[in-house]
Amino acid sequence: MTLRQPIICVVATLLGITATAAQAAEGTCMTSAQLADLFLVATPNALAAVREKCGATLAADSPLRDPASPLAKRYQAAAQEAWPRAKEMLITTYGASLAAADKKKLSEAVSPAFIDAILTPIIAKAVTPQSCPTIDQVVTLLAPLPPANFGQLASLVTELGMKDRPGAAAGGPQICKH
């Protein structure tokens, strides 16, 4: 498995989180910034899943090795900052056709654990021992970037990957510019 396959799994899952609601709520789309926020919310648990799966193969100086590393702390803080915006997007998307009382229940139910519960098993399954060195190298190269830049970069790469794909417009949530 290449690094591309775990990334595709994560991207597909993040986009899939909003797919059903986006199709139900015609005209609903997710902005690049909202997708970046979803990436930021998902990153701490994604890093933890990779750390657990790849722990034995990580370099001694890998930023992934220590769960209390500066990298882990920066992404945890960024995830907490991004969460209110990501939550609002999820509630707006999923709750587009709900009554006010049901939208309130949805708001109370949606949490970072919601995203983590969906993503962590997918990441754990997608990451193989063969992909660990490449993932470690990519994380090491991206570690100096501010988390917001990583979220925006991940969003941009996702958008570029979605462009000109047959059926992209009809097959799930749209990335819109606002």
N, C-alpha and C. Protein backbone atom coordinates (compact mmCIF):
# COMPACT_ATOMS: atom_id res chain seq x y z
N MET A 1 0.85 -1.18 0.00
CA MET A 1 0.00 0.00 0.00
C MET A 1 0.89 1.23 0.00
N THR A 2 0.57 2.16 -0.85
CA THR A 2 1.34 3.40 -0.91
C THR A 2 0.75 4.40 0.07
N LEU A 3 1.46 5.50 0.25
CA LEU A 3 0.93 6.57 1.11
C LEU A 3 -0.37 7.11 0.55
N ARG A 4 -0.51 7.09 -0.75
CA ARG A 4 -1.69 7.64 -1.39
C ARG A 4 -2.97 6.93 -0.93
N GLN A 5 -2.91 5.63 -0.73
CA GLN A 5 -4.10 4.88 -0.35
C GLN A 5 -4.64 5.29 1.02
N PRO A 6 -3.81 5.42 2.09
CA PRO A 6 -4.38 5.89 3.35
C PRO A 6 -4.93 7.31 3.25
N ILE A 7 -4.27 8.16 2.46
CA ILE A 7 -4.75 9.53 2.30
C ILE A 7 -6.10 9.53 1.59
N ILE A 8 -6.23 8.71 0.56
CA ILE A 8 -7.51 8.62 -0.15
C ILE A 8 -8.61 8.14 0.78
N CYS A 9 -8.30 7.17 1.66
CA CYS A 9 -9.29 6.69 2.63
C CYS A 9 -9.75 7.81 3.55
N VAL A 10 -8.80 8.60 4.05
CA VAL A 10 -9.14 9.70 4.95
C VAL A 10 -9.97 10.75 4.23
N VAL A 11 -9.54 11.14 3.03
CA VAL A 11 -10.27 12.15 2.27
C VAL A 11 -11.67 11.66 1.95
N ALA A 12 -11.78 10.43 1.49
CA ALA A 12 -13.10 9.89 1.15
C ALA A 12 -14.01 9.87 2.36
N THR A 13 -13.46 9.53 3.51
CA THR A 13 -14.27 9.49 4.72
C THR A 13 -14.69 10.89 5.14
N LEU A 14 -13.76 11.84 5.11
CA LEU A 14 -14.12 13.22 5.47
C LEU A 14 -15.21 13.75 4.55
N LEU A 15 -15.07 13.50 3.27
CA LEU A 15 -16.10 13.95 2.35
C LEU A 15 -17.38 13.15 2.53
N GLY A 16 -17.24 11.87 2.84
CA GLY A 16 -18.41 11.03 3.05
C GLY A 16 -19.21 11.43 4.27
N ILE A 17 -18.56 12.05 5.25
CA ILE A 17 -19.26 12.52 6.44
C ILE A 17 -20.39 13.46 6.05
N THR A 18 -20.18 14.22 4.98
CA THR A 18 -21.20 15.18 4.57
C THR A 18 -21.97 14.76 3.32
N ALA A 19 -21.62 13.62 2.72
CA ALA A 19 -22.21 13.25 1.43
C ALA A 19 -23.71 13.08 1.47
N THR A 20 -24.22 12.29 2.39
CA THR A 20 -25.65 12.00 2.44
C THR A 20 -26.45 13.27 2.64
N ALA A 21 -26.02 14.08 3.57
CA ALA A 21 -26.75 15.32 3.84
C ALA A 21 -26.64 16.29 2.69
N ALA A 22 -25.49 16.36 2.06
CA ALA A 22 -25.32 17.28 0.94
C ALA A 22 -26.24 16.89 -0.20
N GLN A 23 -26.41 15.59 -0.41
CA GLN A 23 -27.31 15.15 -1.47
C GLN A 23 -28.76 15.43 -1.08
N ALA A 24 -29.08 15.30 0.20
CA ALA A 24 -30.44 15.53 0.66
C ALA A 24 -30.79 17.01 0.64
N ALA A 25 -29.82 17.84 0.96
CA ALA A 25 -30.05 19.28 0.99
C ALA A 25 -29.49 19.87 -0.28
N GLU A 26 -30.32 19.91 -1.29
CA GLU A 26 -29.87 20.36 -2.60
C GLU A 26 -29.24 21.74 -2.51
N GLY A 27 -28.15 21.91 -3.21
CA GLY A 27 -27.46 23.19 -3.21
C GLY A 27 -26.46 23.34 -2.08
N THR A 28 -26.40 22.37 -1.16
CA THR A 28 -25.46 22.46 -0.05
C THR A 28 -24.07 22.13 -0.56
N CYS A 29 -23.13 22.91 -0.12
CA CYS A 29 -21.75 22.62 -0.48
C CYS A 29 -20.86 22.95 0.72
N MET A 30 -19.66 22.45 0.64
CA MET A 30 -18.68 22.66 1.70
C MET A 30 -17.58 23.55 1.13
N THR A 31 -17.22 24.58 1.86
CA THR A 31 -16.15 25.45 1.39
C THR A 31 -14.80 24.81 1.64
N SER A 32 -13.80 25.33 0.99
CA SER A 32 -12.43 24.86 1.20
C SER A 32 -12.04 25.02 2.67
N ALA A 33 -12.44 26.13 3.26
CA ALA A 33 -12.11 26.38 4.67
C ALA A 33 -12.79 25.36 5.58
N GLN A 34 -14.03 24.98 5.26
CA GLN A 34 -14.72 23.99 6.07
C GLN A 34 -14.06 22.62 5.95
N LEU A 35 -13.62 22.27 4.74
CA LEU A 35 -12.91 21.01 4.55
C LEU A 35 -11.59 21.05 5.31
N ALA A 36 -10.90 22.18 5.28
CA ALA A 36 -9.64 22.33 6.04
C ALA A 36 -9.91 22.14 7.53
N ASP A 37 -11.02 22.69 8.02
CA ASP A 37 -11.37 22.50 9.44
C ASP A 37 -11.61 21.03 9.76
N LEU A 38 -12.29 20.31 8.87
CA LEU A 38 -12.50 18.88 9.09
C LEU A 38 -11.17 18.13 9.14
N PHE A 39 -10.25 18.49 8.26
CA PHE A 39 -8.93 17.87 8.30
C PHE A 39 -8.25 18.15 9.64
N LEU A 40 -8.34 19.39 10.10
CA LEU A 40 -7.68 19.74 11.37
C LEU A 40 -8.31 18.99 12.54
N VAL A 41 -9.62 18.85 12.54
CA VAL A 41 -10.29 18.12 13.62
C VAL A 41 -9.87 16.65 13.60
N ALA A 42 -9.70 16.09 12.43
CA ALA A 42 -9.37 14.68 12.30
C ALA A 42 -7.89 14.38 12.54
N THR A 43 -7.03 15.36 12.39
CA THR A 43 -5.58 15.10 12.41
C THR A 43 -5.05 14.53 13.72
N PRO A 44 -5.40 15.03 14.90
CA PRO A 44 -4.82 14.44 16.12
C PRO A 44 -5.06 12.94 16.24
N ASN A 45 -6.26 12.49 15.97
CA ASN A 45 -6.53 11.05 16.06
C ASN A 45 -5.91 10.29 14.91
N ALA A 46 -5.80 10.93 13.75
CA ALA A 46 -5.11 10.29 12.63
C ALA A 46 -3.64 10.08 12.99
N LEU A 47 -3.02 11.09 13.59
CA LEU A 47 -1.62 10.95 14.01
C LEU A 47 -1.48 9.85 15.06
N ALA A 48 -2.43 9.80 15.99
CA ALA A 48 -2.38 8.76 17.03
C ALA A 48 -2.54 7.37 16.42
N ALA A 49 -3.44 7.23 15.46
CA ALA A 49 -3.64 5.93 14.81
C ALA A 49 -2.39 5.50 14.06
N VAL A 50 -1.75 6.44 13.38
CA VAL A 50 -0.51 6.12 12.67
C VAL A 50 0.58 5.78 13.67
N ARG A 51 0.66 6.53 14.76
CA ARG A 51 1.67 6.27 15.80
C ARG A 51 1.50 4.85 16.35
N GLU A 52 0.27 4.47 16.61
CA GLU A 52 0.01 3.14 17.15
C GLU A 52 0.36 2.05 16.14
N LYS A 53 -0.02 2.25 14.91
CA LYS A 53 0.22 1.24 13.87
C LYS A 53 1.69 1.16 13.48
N CYS A 54 2.38 2.31 13.49
CA CYS A 54 3.76 2.36 12.98
C CYS A 54 4.81 2.48 14.08
N GLY A 55 4.40 2.49 15.34
CA GLY A 55 5.32 2.76 16.44
C GLY A 55 6.66 2.07 16.37
N ALA A 56 6.69 0.80 16.03
CA ALA A 56 7.93 0.04 16.01
C ALA A 56 8.85 0.46 14.87
N THR A 57 8.31 1.05 13.83
CA THR A 57 9.13 1.39 12.66
C THR A 57 9.50 2.86 12.58
N LEU A 58 9.00 3.67 13.51
CA LEU A 58 9.28 5.11 13.44
C LEU A 58 10.73 5.41 13.82
N ALA A 59 11.30 6.38 13.15
CA ALA A 59 12.65 6.83 13.47
C ALA A 59 12.66 7.39 14.89
N ALA A 60 13.80 7.33 15.53
CA ALA A 60 13.92 7.81 16.91
C ALA A 60 13.55 9.28 17.04
N ASP A 61 13.82 10.06 16.00
CA ASP A 61 13.53 11.49 16.05
C ASP A 61 12.21 11.86 15.35
N SER A 62 11.38 10.87 15.07
CA SER A 62 10.12 11.12 14.38
C SER A 62 9.19 11.97 15.23
N PRO A 63 8.57 12.98 14.62
CA PRO A 63 7.59 13.78 15.36
C PRO A 63 6.35 12.98 15.74
N LEU A 64 6.18 11.81 15.14
CA LEU A 64 5.04 10.96 15.44
C LEU A 64 5.25 10.12 16.70
N ARG A 65 6.49 9.90 17.07
CA ARG A 65 6.81 8.94 18.14
C ARG A 65 6.19 9.32 19.49
N ASP A 66 6.23 10.58 19.86
CA ASP A 66 5.81 11.02 21.19
C ASP A 66 4.40 11.61 21.15
N PRO A 67 3.44 11.00 21.86
CA PRO A 67 2.08 11.54 21.85
C PRO A 67 1.96 12.91 22.52
N ALA A 68 3.00 13.32 23.25
CA ALA A 68 2.99 14.64 23.89
C ALA A 68 3.98 15.58 23.21
N SER A 69 4.35 15.27 21.97
CA SER A 69 5.32 16.09 21.24
C SER A 69 4.74 17.47 20.93
N PRO A 70 5.60 18.42 20.60
CA PRO A 70 5.08 19.73 20.18
C PRO A 70 4.14 19.62 18.99
N LEU A 71 4.43 18.70 18.07
CA LEU A 71 3.55 18.51 16.91
C LEU A 71 2.16 18.08 17.37
N ALA A 72 2.11 17.08 18.24
CA ALA A 72 0.82 16.59 18.72
C ALA A 72 0.06 17.70 19.46
N LYS A 73 0.75 18.47 20.26
CA LYS A 73 0.11 19.57 21.01
C LYS A 73 -0.42 20.65 20.07
N ARG A 74 0.37 20.99 19.04
CA ARG A 74 -0.08 22.02 18.08
C ARG A 74 -1.34 21.58 17.35
N TYR A 75 -1.36 20.31 16.93
CA TYR A 75 -2.52 19.82 16.19
C TYR A 75 -3.74 19.65 17.09
N GLN A 76 -3.51 19.29 18.35
CA GLN A 76 -4.64 19.20 19.29
C GLN A 76 -5.25 20.58 19.50
N ALA A 77 -4.40 21.59 19.68
CA ALA A 77 -4.90 22.96 19.86
C ALA A 77 -5.62 23.43 18.59
N ALA A 78 -5.07 23.12 17.43
CA ALA A 78 -5.70 23.52 16.17
C ALA A 78 -7.04 22.82 15.98
N ALA A 79 -7.12 21.55 16.37
CA ALA A 79 -8.37 20.81 16.26
C ALA A 79 -9.44 21.42 17.16
N GLN A 80 -9.05 21.79 18.37
CA GLN A 80 -10.01 22.42 19.28
C GLN A 80 -10.49 23.76 18.73
N GLU A 81 -9.59 24.51 18.12
CA GLU A 81 -9.96 25.80 17.55
C GLU A 81 -10.88 25.62 16.33
N ALA A 82 -10.61 24.59 15.52
CA ALA A 82 -11.39 24.37 14.30
C ALA A 82 -12.74 23.70 14.58
N TRP A 83 -12.85 23.02 15.73
CA TRP A 83 -14.05 22.24 15.99
C TRP A 83 -15.36 23.04 15.90
N PRO A 84 -15.48 24.22 16.50
CA PRO A 84 -16.77 24.92 16.40
C PRO A 84 -17.19 25.19 14.95
N ARG A 85 -16.25 25.51 14.09
CA ARG A 85 -16.58 25.76 12.68
C ARG A 85 -16.94 24.46 11.98
N ALA A 86 -16.20 23.39 12.24
CA ALA A 86 -16.50 22.10 11.63
C ALA A 86 -17.86 21.59 12.11
N LYS A 87 -18.13 21.76 13.40
CA LYS A 87 -19.41 21.32 13.95
C LYS A 87 -20.56 22.08 13.30
N GLU A 88 -20.41 23.38 13.16
CA GLU A 88 -21.46 24.18 12.53
C GLU A 88 -21.72 23.71 11.10
N MET A 89 -20.65 23.39 10.38
CA MET A 89 -20.81 22.89 9.02
C MET A 89 -21.55 21.56 9.02
N LEU A 90 -21.18 20.66 9.92
CA LEU A 90 -21.84 19.35 9.99
C LEU A 90 -23.33 19.51 10.34
N ILE A 91 -23.62 20.38 11.28
CA ILE A 91 -25.02 20.59 11.69
C ILE A 91 -25.81 21.24 10.56
N THR A 92 -25.21 22.22 9.91
CA THR A 92 -25.87 22.87 8.79
C THR A 92 -26.14 21.88 7.67
N THR A 93 -25.15 21.04 7.39
CA THR A 93 -25.28 20.08 6.30
C THR A 93 -26.27 18.97 6.66
N TYR A 94 -26.04 18.31 7.79
CA TYR A 94 -26.91 17.21 8.19
C TYR A 94 -28.29 17.71 8.61
N GLY A 95 -28.36 18.89 9.18
CA GLY A 95 -29.62 19.38 9.70
C GLY A 95 -30.39 20.27 8.76
N ALA A 96 -29.96 20.34 7.50
CA ALA A 96 -30.59 21.26 6.54
C ALA A 96 -32.10 21.06 6.45
N SER A 97 -32.56 19.83 6.54
CA SER A 97 -34.00 19.59 6.39
C SER A 97 -34.67 19.21 7.71
N LEU A 98 -33.97 19.40 8.83
CA LEU A 98 -34.53 19.04 10.13
C LEU A 98 -35.30 20.19 10.76
N ALA A 99 -36.24 19.83 11.60
CA ALA A 99 -36.96 20.82 12.40
C ALA A 99 -36.01 21.34 13.46
N ALA A 100 -36.32 22.49 14.02
CA ALA A 100 -35.44 23.13 15.01
C ALA A 100 -35.13 22.21 16.19
N ALA A 101 -36.11 21.49 16.70
CA ALA A 101 -35.88 20.61 17.85
C ALA A 101 -34.91 19.48 17.49
N ASP A 102 -35.07 18.93 16.29
CA ASP A 102 -34.18 17.86 15.85
C ASP A 102 -32.77 18.39 15.58
N LYS A 103 -32.71 19.62 15.07
CA LYS A 103 -31.40 20.23 14.82
C LYS A 103 -30.66 20.44 16.15
N LYS A 104 -31.42 20.79 17.20
CA LYS A 104 -30.81 20.96 18.52
C LYS A 104 -30.27 19.62 19.04
N LYS A 105 -31.04 18.54 18.85
CA LYS A 105 -30.58 17.21 19.26
C LYS A 105 -29.32 16.81 18.50
N LEU A 106 -29.31 17.12 17.22
CA LEU A 106 -28.13 16.83 16.40
C LEU A 106 -26.93 17.61 16.92
N SER A 107 -27.14 18.86 17.25
CA SER A 107 -26.06 19.70 17.77
C SER A 107 -25.47 19.13 19.04
N GLU A 108 -26.32 18.59 19.89
CA GLU A 108 -25.85 18.00 21.14
C GLU A 108 -25.12 16.67 20.90
N ALA A 109 -25.48 15.97 19.84
CA ALA A 109 -24.90 14.64 19.58
C ALA A 109 -23.57 14.71 18.84
N VAL A 110 -23.40 15.73 18.01
CA VAL A 110 -22.19 15.82 17.19
C VAL A 110 -21.02 16.30 18.05
N SER A 111 -19.93 15.54 17.99
CA SER A 111 -18.74 15.88 18.77
C SER A 111 -17.51 15.44 18.00
N PRO A 112 -16.32 15.87 18.44
CA PRO A 112 -15.11 15.37 17.77
C PRO A 112 -15.03 13.85 17.80
N ALA A 113 -15.61 13.24 18.83
CA ALA A 113 -15.62 11.78 18.92
C ALA A 113 -16.39 11.17 17.75
N PHE A 114 -17.37 11.89 17.23
CA PHE A 114 -18.15 11.46 16.07
C PHE A 114 -17.21 11.24 14.88
N ILE A 115 -16.37 12.23 14.61
CA ILE A 115 -15.42 12.13 13.50
C ILE A 115 -14.37 11.07 13.81
N ASP A 116 -13.86 11.09 15.04
CA ASP A 116 -12.83 10.12 15.42
C ASP A 116 -13.32 8.69 15.31
N ALA A 117 -14.55 8.44 15.71
CA ALA A 117 -15.09 7.08 15.67
C ALA A 117 -15.19 6.56 14.24
N ILE A 118 -15.40 7.46 13.32
CA ILE A 118 -15.49 7.08 11.92
C ILE A 118 -14.09 6.91 11.32
N LEU A 119 -13.22 7.87 11.58
CA LEU A 119 -11.92 7.88 10.92
C LEU A 119 -10.88 6.93 11.48
N THR A 120 -10.77 6.83 12.79
CA THR A 120 -9.68 6.07 13.39
C THR A 120 -9.62 4.63 12.89
N PRO A 121 -10.72 3.89 12.85
CA PRO A 121 -10.62 2.52 12.34
C PRO A 121 -10.22 2.46 10.87
N ILE A 122 -10.67 3.43 10.09
CA ILE A 122 -10.33 3.46 8.67
C ILE A 122 -8.84 3.70 8.49
N ILE A 123 -8.31 4.65 9.25
CA ILE A 123 -6.87 4.95 9.17
C ILE A 123 -6.07 3.74 9.64
N ALA A 124 -6.48 3.17 10.75
CA ALA A 124 -5.75 2.02 11.28
C ALA A 124 -5.73 0.87 10.28
N LYS A 125 -6.82 0.68 9.56
CA LYS A 125 -6.87 -0.38 8.56
C LYS A 125 -6.05 -0.03 7.32
N ALA A 126 -6.06 1.24 6.93
CA ALA A 126 -5.39 1.66 5.70
C ALA A 126 -3.87 1.72 5.83
N VAL A 127 -3.38 2.01 7.03
CA VAL A 127 -1.94 2.13 7.23
C VAL A 127 -1.34 0.73 7.40
N THR A 128 -0.35 0.45 6.58
CA THR A 128 0.34 -0.84 6.66
C THR A 128 1.78 -0.61 7.09
N PRO A 129 2.45 -1.65 7.57
CA PRO A 129 3.86 -1.49 7.93
C PRO A 129 4.70 -0.97 6.75
N GLN A 130 4.33 -1.33 5.53
CA GLN A 130 5.07 -0.87 4.36
C GLN A 130 4.90 0.63 4.13
N SER A 131 3.76 1.19 4.52
CA SER A 131 3.52 2.62 4.30
C SER A 131 4.08 3.49 5.43
N CYS A 132 4.44 2.88 6.55
CA CYS A 132 4.89 3.66 7.72
C CYS A 132 6.10 4.55 7.44
N PRO A 133 7.17 4.06 6.79
CA PRO A 133 8.31 4.95 6.54
C PRO A 133 7.94 6.17 5.69
N THR A 134 7.08 5.97 4.70
CA THR A 134 6.68 7.09 3.85
C THR A 134 5.82 8.08 4.64
N ILE A 135 4.89 7.56 5.42
CA ILE A 135 4.05 8.44 6.24
C ILE A 135 4.91 9.23 7.22
N ASP A 136 5.88 8.55 7.85
CA ASP A 136 6.80 9.22 8.77
C ASP A 136 7.56 10.33 8.06
N GLN A 137 8.02 10.06 6.85
CA GLN A 137 8.76 11.07 6.09
C GLN A 137 7.87 12.26 5.75
N VAL A 138 6.65 12.00 5.32
CA VAL A 138 5.73 13.09 4.98
C VAL A 138 5.41 13.93 6.21
N VAL A 139 5.11 13.27 7.33
CA VAL A 139 4.79 14.01 8.56
C VAL A 139 6.00 14.83 9.00
N THR A 140 7.19 14.27 8.90
CA THR A 140 8.40 15.01 9.27
C THR A 140 8.57 16.24 8.39
N LEU A 141 8.29 16.12 7.10
CA LEU A 141 8.40 17.26 6.19
C LEU A 141 7.33 18.32 6.46
N LEU A 142 6.14 17.88 6.84
CA LEU A 142 5.04 18.82 7.09
C LEU A 142 5.05 19.38 8.51
N ALA A 143 5.78 18.74 9.42
CA ALA A 143 5.75 19.14 10.83
C ALA A 143 6.05 20.62 11.07
N PRO A 144 6.97 21.24 10.34
CA PRO A 144 7.22 22.67 10.60
C PRO A 144 6.09 23.61 10.19
N LEU A 145 5.20 23.13 9.32
CA LEU A 145 4.10 23.99 8.89
C LEU A 145 3.12 24.24 10.04
N PRO A 146 2.56 25.43 10.09
CA PRO A 146 1.47 25.65 11.05
C PRO A 146 0.31 24.73 10.68
N PRO A 147 -0.42 24.22 11.66
CA PRO A 147 -1.54 23.33 11.36
C PRO A 147 -2.54 23.93 10.36
N ALA A 148 -2.80 25.23 10.46
CA ALA A 148 -3.75 25.84 9.51
C ALA A 148 -3.27 25.68 8.07
N ASN A 149 -1.96 25.81 7.85
CA ASN A 149 -1.42 25.62 6.51
C ASN A 149 -1.61 24.18 6.05
N PHE A 150 -1.40 23.22 6.96
CA PHE A 150 -1.62 21.82 6.61
C PHE A 150 -3.08 21.60 6.23
N GLY A 151 -4.01 22.12 7.01
CA GLY A 151 -5.43 21.95 6.71
C GLY A 151 -5.79 22.53 5.36
N GLN A 152 -5.26 23.71 5.05
CA GLN A 152 -5.53 24.35 3.77
C GLN A 152 -4.88 23.57 2.63
N LEU A 153 -3.66 23.06 2.86
CA LEU A 153 -2.98 22.26 1.84
C LEU A 153 -3.75 20.98 1.57
N ALA A 154 -4.19 20.30 2.62
CA ALA A 154 -4.97 19.06 2.45
C ALA A 154 -6.27 19.35 1.70
N SER A 155 -6.91 20.46 2.02
CA SER A 155 -8.14 20.84 1.33
C SER A 155 -7.87 21.12 -0.15
N LEU A 156 -6.81 21.85 -0.43
CA LEU A 156 -6.47 22.18 -1.82
C LEU A 156 -6.15 20.92 -2.62
N VAL A 157 -5.35 20.02 -2.04
CA VAL A 157 -5.02 18.77 -2.73
C VAL A 157 -6.30 17.97 -3.00
N THR A 158 -7.21 17.97 -2.04
CA THR A 158 -8.49 17.27 -2.23
C THR A 158 -9.27 17.89 -3.37
N GLU A 159 -9.35 19.22 -3.38
CA GLU A 159 -10.07 19.89 -4.46
C GLU A 159 -9.45 19.60 -5.82
N LEU A 160 -8.13 19.64 -5.88
CA LEU A 160 -7.45 19.35 -7.15
C LEU A 160 -7.72 17.93 -7.59
N GLY A 161 -7.77 17.01 -6.65
CA GLY A 161 -8.06 15.62 -6.97
C GLY A 161 -9.49 15.41 -7.43
N MET A 162 -10.40 16.29 -7.01
CA MET A 162 -11.80 16.16 -7.39
C MET A 162 -12.11 16.81 -8.74
N LYS A 163 -11.26 17.73 -9.17
CA LYS A 163 -11.51 18.44 -10.43
C LYS A 163 -11.50 17.48 -11.59
N ASP A 164 -12.39 17.72 -12.49
CA ASP A 164 -12.45 16.98 -13.74
C ASP A 164 -12.60 15.48 -13.58
N ARG A 165 -13.07 15.03 -12.41
CA ARG A 165 -13.35 13.60 -12.24
C ARG A 165 -14.73 13.33 -12.80
N PRO A 166 -14.87 12.30 -13.60
CA PRO A 166 -16.20 11.97 -14.11
C PRO A 166 -17.15 11.70 -12.95
N GLY A 167 -18.30 12.35 -12.98
CA GLY A 167 -19.30 12.12 -11.95
C GLY A 167 -19.04 12.86 -10.66
N ALA A 168 -17.99 13.67 -10.58
CA ALA A 168 -17.68 14.35 -9.33
C ALA A 168 -18.81 15.29 -8.91
N ALA A 169 -19.41 15.94 -9.88
CA ALA A 169 -20.47 16.89 -9.54
C ALA A 169 -21.70 16.19 -8.97
N ALA A 170 -21.96 14.96 -9.37
CA ALA A 170 -23.15 14.27 -8.93
C ALA A 170 -22.88 13.28 -7.80
N GLY A 171 -21.61 13.02 -7.49
CA GLY A 171 -21.29 11.92 -6.60
C GLY A 171 -20.95 12.30 -5.20
N GLY A 172 -21.56 13.29 -4.60
CA GLY A 172 -21.28 13.62 -3.23
C GLY A 172 -21.23 15.10 -3.00
N PRO A 173 -20.67 15.50 -1.89
CA PRO A 173 -20.67 16.91 -1.56
C PRO A 173 -19.80 17.69 -2.51
N GLN A 174 -20.18 18.90 -2.73
CA GLN A 174 -19.44 19.79 -3.61
C GLN A 174 -18.56 20.71 -2.77
N ILE A 175 -17.42 21.06 -3.31
CA ILE A 175 -16.58 22.08 -2.70
C ILE A 175 -16.96 23.38 -3.41
N CYS A 176 -17.42 24.34 -2.63
CA CYS A 176 -17.83 25.60 -3.22
C CYS A 176 -16.94 26.72 -2.71
N LYS A 177 -16.95 27.79 -3.41
CA LYS A 177 -16.15 28.96 -3.04
C LYS A 177 -17.07 30.00 -2.42
N HIS A 178 -16.76 30.38 -1.19
CA HIS A 178 -17.56 31.43 -0.51
C HIS A 178 -16.62 32.48 -0.01
